[in-house]
Amino acid sequence: MGGVFWKIQDYNPMSKRKIIIIASVFATILLLGAGGFYILKIKNVETPRRDVSATTQEKNYFEINDELAGVYFKIGKNFERMPARELQLKNPSFIYGFSAKDDVGVGCFISQTKREKEGQVTVGDLRDGVFSQLQKIDANAKIDAAKVIEVGENSNKGARLEMSYVEGEKTPMVQWEVVGITARTATFAFCTSPKAVLDLYQEDLNLFLDSVRIK
């Protein structure tokens, strides 16, 4: 009985409660530590970066590749294509015509004719031929700039001219033109604009003329 009595007396409920409390605190610390590690791990994961270079930007121009006529060019979306009937009334040799949406006085055209004679034609001949046609509209027309350019494959050389004239004795105008030939055709790509609004459309005119390729 003495031994049993000692064991009963030695049992202390408060000690067991302390053990339970300590175990609970320790478990809570472990859980908080694991949670903190998980949060830190999430924070350290890099957010996937967007590949900007792979983003396709919408073009602000149309591309036209006419295999039959042998011409390629770009035209800005600020322009709209003229109806075929209207174009033919302007000139039967016009194959393309576009006018600015906000100003019908600004236009870009492509004219093409068959070559009547074979043989070599110099860039100077092309320049002089284009300018002589403009002088029929205004005898005082002038060439503001002219240069030799490549207009197609096999180093096909052409001429680019920037000319000015007066239309109807009232309106100062500019005509920028690219001309080139092949063995079969002569192709003329040009834009006309009143000088007063040239700054507004200069970028569109250059886009068109710089892109022209004759095949």
Protein backbone atom coordinates (compact mmCIF):
# COMPACT_ATOMS: atom_id res chain seq x y z
CA MET A 1 0.00 0.00 0.00
CA GLY A 2 2.87 2.32 0.78
CA GLY A 3 4.26 1.99 -2.71
CA VAL A 4 0.92 2.61 -4.34
CA PHE A 5 0.30 5.61 -2.20
CA TRP A 6 3.62 7.10 -3.29
CA LYS A 7 2.73 6.80 -6.98
CA ILE A 8 -0.63 8.46 -6.45
CA GLN A 9 0.93 11.29 -4.55
CA ASP A 10 3.64 11.70 -7.19
CA TYR A 11 1.06 12.19 -9.96
CA ASN A 12 0.61 15.96 -10.62
CA PRO A 13 -2.16 17.01 -13.06
CA MET A 14 -0.59 20.46 -13.41
CA SER A 15 2.61 18.95 -14.87
CA LYS A 16 0.61 17.17 -17.57
CA ARG A 17 -1.22 20.40 -18.40
CA LYS A 18 2.12 22.21 -18.74
CA ILE A 19 3.35 19.54 -21.13
CA ILE A 20 0.21 19.89 -23.27
CA ILE A 21 0.52 23.69 -23.33
CA ILE A 22 4.20 23.55 -24.28
CA ALA A 23 3.47 21.02 -27.04
CA SER A 24 0.67 23.22 -28.40
CA VAL A 25 2.90 26.32 -28.41
CA PHE A 26 5.66 24.41 -30.18
CA ALA A 27 3.22 23.10 -32.80
CA THR A 28 1.91 26.65 -33.36
CA ILE A 29 5.45 27.97 -33.84
CA LEU A 30 6.12 25.24 -36.40
CA LEU A 31 2.93 26.07 -38.30
CA LEU A 32 3.69 29.81 -38.29
CA GLY A 33 7.23 29.14 -39.49
CA ALA A 34 6.02 26.92 -42.32
CA GLY A 35 3.41 29.51 -43.32
CA GLY A 36 5.99 32.30 -43.37
CA PHE A 37 8.33 30.21 -45.49
CA TYR A 38 5.49 29.49 -47.94
CA ILE A 39 4.63 33.22 -48.20
CA LEU A 40 8.28 34.13 -48.76
CA LYS A 41 8.55 31.45 -51.42
CA ILE A 42 5.51 32.84 -53.26
CA LYS A 43 6.93 36.37 -53.08
CA ASN A 44 10.24 35.20 -54.51
CA VAL A 45 8.59 33.57 -57.54
CA GLU A 46 9.11 35.94 -60.50
CA THR A 47 6.01 37.09 -62.30
CA PRO A 48 6.25 35.91 -65.94
CA ARG A 49 7.38 38.83 -68.11
CA ARG A 50 5.42 39.76 -71.20
CA ASP A 51 7.46 39.37 -74.36
CA VAL A 52 6.93 42.78 -75.91
CA SER A 53 8.97 41.90 -78.97
CA ALA A 54 6.50 39.17 -79.83
CA THR A 55 3.55 41.55 -79.84
CA THR A 56 2.36 42.19 -83.36
CA GLN A 57 1.58 45.83 -83.94
CA GLU A 58 -1.22 46.67 -86.31
CA LYS A 59 0.06 48.15 -89.55
CA ASN A 60 -1.09 51.64 -90.43
CA TYR A 61 -0.92 50.94 -94.14
CA PHE A 62 -2.11 48.54 -96.83
CA GLU A 63 0.28 46.55 -99.02
CA ILE A 64 -0.57 45.93 -102.67
CA ASN A 65 1.39 43.44 -104.74
CA ASP A 66 0.02 43.38 -108.29
CA GLU A 67 1.78 40.59 -110.14
CA LEU A 68 -0.08 41.27 -113.38
CA ALA A 69 0.95 44.94 -113.53
CA GLY A 70 4.33 44.17 -111.98
CA VAL A 71 4.09 46.76 -109.18
CA TYR A 72 4.28 46.64 -105.40
CA PHE A 73 3.61 49.52 -103.01
CA LYS A 74 2.23 50.58 -99.62
CA ILE A 75 -0.52 53.13 -99.06
CA GLY A 76 -1.45 54.61 -95.69
CA LYS A 77 -4.82 53.92 -94.12
CA ASN A 78 -5.47 57.67 -94.16
CA PHE A 79 -6.22 57.18 -97.85
CA GLU A 80 -9.08 55.41 -99.58
CA ARG A 81 -9.14 53.87 -103.03
CA MET A 82 -10.92 55.72 -105.82
CA PRO A 83 -13.67 53.92 -107.76
CA ALA A 84 -12.47 52.52 -111.09
CA ARG A 85 -14.87 54.73 -113.09
CA GLU A 86 -13.65 57.92 -111.40
CA LEU A 87 -10.06 56.87 -111.99
CA GLN A 88 -10.59 56.19 -115.68
CA LEU A 89 -12.22 59.59 -116.13
CA LYS A 90 -9.08 61.21 -114.78
CA ASN A 91 -6.77 59.29 -117.07
CA PRO A 92 -7.21 55.93 -118.89
CA SER A 93 -3.62 54.96 -118.07
CA PHE A 94 -4.21 55.16 -114.30
CA ILE A 95 -4.29 51.70 -112.71
CA TYR A 96 -4.47 52.82 -109.06
CA GLY A 97 -5.67 55.98 -107.38
CA PHE A 98 -6.14 56.98 -103.75
CA SER A 99 -7.39 60.17 -102.13
CA ALA A 100 -6.92 61.34 -98.56
CA LYS A 101 -10.00 60.73 -96.42
CA ASP A 102 -9.90 64.22 -94.94
CA ASP A 103 -8.84 66.14 -98.06
CA VAL A 104 -9.77 65.02 -101.59
CA GLY A 105 -7.23 67.50 -102.92
CA VAL A 106 -4.45 65.14 -101.81
CA GLY A 107 -4.01 62.03 -103.91
CA CYS A 108 -1.57 59.29 -104.93
CA PHE A 109 -1.68 57.49 -108.26
CA ILE A 110 0.03 54.85 -110.34
CA SER A 111 -0.01 55.19 -114.10
CA GLN A 112 1.37 52.60 -116.47
CA THR A 113 1.88 52.54 -120.23
CA LYS A 114 3.41 50.05 -122.62
CA ARG A 115 6.74 51.02 -124.09
CA GLU A 116 6.44 51.72 -127.79
CA LYS A 117 10.16 51.42 -128.49
CA GLU A 118 12.77 49.14 -127.03
CA GLY A 119 16.21 50.37 -126.16
CA GLN A 120 18.10 52.09 -123.40
CA VAL A 121 16.50 54.97 -121.54
CA THR A 122 18.59 56.97 -119.09
CA VAL A 123 17.42 58.28 -115.74
CA GLY A 124 17.91 61.76 -117.16
CA ASP A 125 15.49 60.93 -119.95
CA LEU A 126 12.92 59.79 -117.40
CA ARG A 127 13.35 62.98 -115.36
CA ASP A 128 13.03 65.25 -118.38
CA GLY A 129 10.02 63.37 -119.72
CA VAL A 130 8.13 63.66 -116.42
CA PHE A 131 8.94 67.33 -115.98
CA SER A 132 7.92 68.23 -119.53
CA GLN A 133 4.45 66.78 -118.85
CA LEU A 134 4.06 68.92 -115.74
CA GLN A 135 5.07 72.01 -117.69
CA LYS A 136 1.99 71.48 -119.84
CA ILE A 137 -0.08 72.27 -116.73
CA ASP A 138 2.10 75.16 -115.59
CA ALA A 139 4.84 76.56 -117.79
CA ASN A 140 6.51 77.96 -114.67
CA ALA A 141 6.69 74.61 -112.90
CA LYS A 142 10.03 73.79 -111.34
CA ILE A 143 12.01 70.84 -110.05
CA ASP A 144 12.78 71.28 -106.35
CA ALA A 145 14.75 68.04 -105.97
CA ALA A 146 15.71 65.04 -108.11
CA LYS A 147 17.74 61.90 -107.53
CA VAL A 148 18.46 58.44 -108.90
CA ILE A 149 16.86 55.55 -106.99
CA GLU A 150 16.45 51.80 -107.27
CA VAL A 151 12.92 50.86 -108.24
CA GLY A 152 13.16 47.12 -108.68
CA GLU A 153 15.19 43.96 -109.01
CA ASN A 154 18.59 43.70 -110.70
CA SER A 155 19.47 47.27 -109.67
CA ASN A 156 16.78 48.72 -111.91
CA LYS A 157 17.35 52.47 -111.70
CA GLY A 158 14.63 55.08 -111.76
CA ALA A 159 14.15 58.74 -110.91
CA ARG A 160 12.48 60.47 -108.01
CA LEU A 161 11.42 64.08 -108.43
CA GLU A 162 9.89 66.70 -106.17
CA MET A 163 8.23 69.38 -108.27
CA SER A 164 6.05 72.42 -107.63
CA TYR A 165 3.54 74.24 -109.78
CA VAL A 166 0.43 76.39 -109.62
CA GLU A 167 -2.94 74.88 -110.43
CA GLY A 168 -5.53 77.12 -112.03
CA GLU A 169 -3.32 80.16 -111.39
CA LYS A 170 -4.44 80.13 -107.76
CA THR A 171 -3.39 77.06 -105.80
CA PRO A 172 0.32 76.32 -105.18
CA MET A 173 0.77 72.56 -105.54
CA VAL A 174 3.50 69.95 -105.22
CA GLN A 175 3.90 66.78 -107.24
CA TRP A 176 6.28 64.13 -105.97
CA GLU A 177 6.93 61.33 -108.41
CA VAL A 178 8.82 58.09 -108.92
CA VAL A 179 9.27 56.76 -112.45
CA GLY A 180 10.86 53.55 -113.68
CA ILE A 181 10.79 51.26 -116.68
CA THR A 182 11.12 47.61 -117.60
CA ALA A 183 11.53 46.08 -121.04
CA ARG A 184 7.74 46.17 -121.43
CA THR A 185 6.33 49.07 -119.44
CA ALA A 186 6.89 52.54 -118.07
CA THR A 187 5.43 53.07 -114.60
CA PHE A 188 4.76 56.42 -112.93
CA ALA A 189 3.88 56.64 -109.23
CA PHE A 190 3.11 60.14 -108.00
CA CYS A 191 1.32 62.13 -105.34
CA THR A 192 -0.13 65.63 -105.57
CA SER A 193 -0.97 67.95 -102.67
CA PRO A 194 -1.67 71.62 -102.06
CA LYS A 195 1.39 73.15 -100.43
CA ALA A 196 -0.80 74.47 -97.62
CA VAL A 197 -1.46 70.96 -96.27
CA LEU A 198 1.76 69.21 -97.30
CA ASP A 199 3.07 68.97 -93.73
CA LEU A 200 -0.02 66.97 -92.74
CA TYR A 201 0.48 64.35 -95.45
CA GLN A 202 4.23 64.32 -96.04
CA GLU A 203 4.73 61.08 -94.10
CA ASP A 204 2.02 59.31 -96.11
CA LEU A 205 3.42 60.53 -99.41
CA ASN A 206 6.90 59.32 -98.53
CA LEU A 207 5.56 55.94 -97.38
CA PHE A 208 3.92 55.45 -100.77
CA LEU A 209 6.78 56.65 -102.97
CA ASP A 210 9.58 55.01 -100.98
CA SER A 211 7.82 51.64 -101.16
CA VAL A 212 7.20 51.49 -104.91
CA ARG A 213 8.86 48.54 -106.64
CA ILE A 214 8.57 47.82 -110.35
CA LYS A 215 8.97 44.24 -111.59
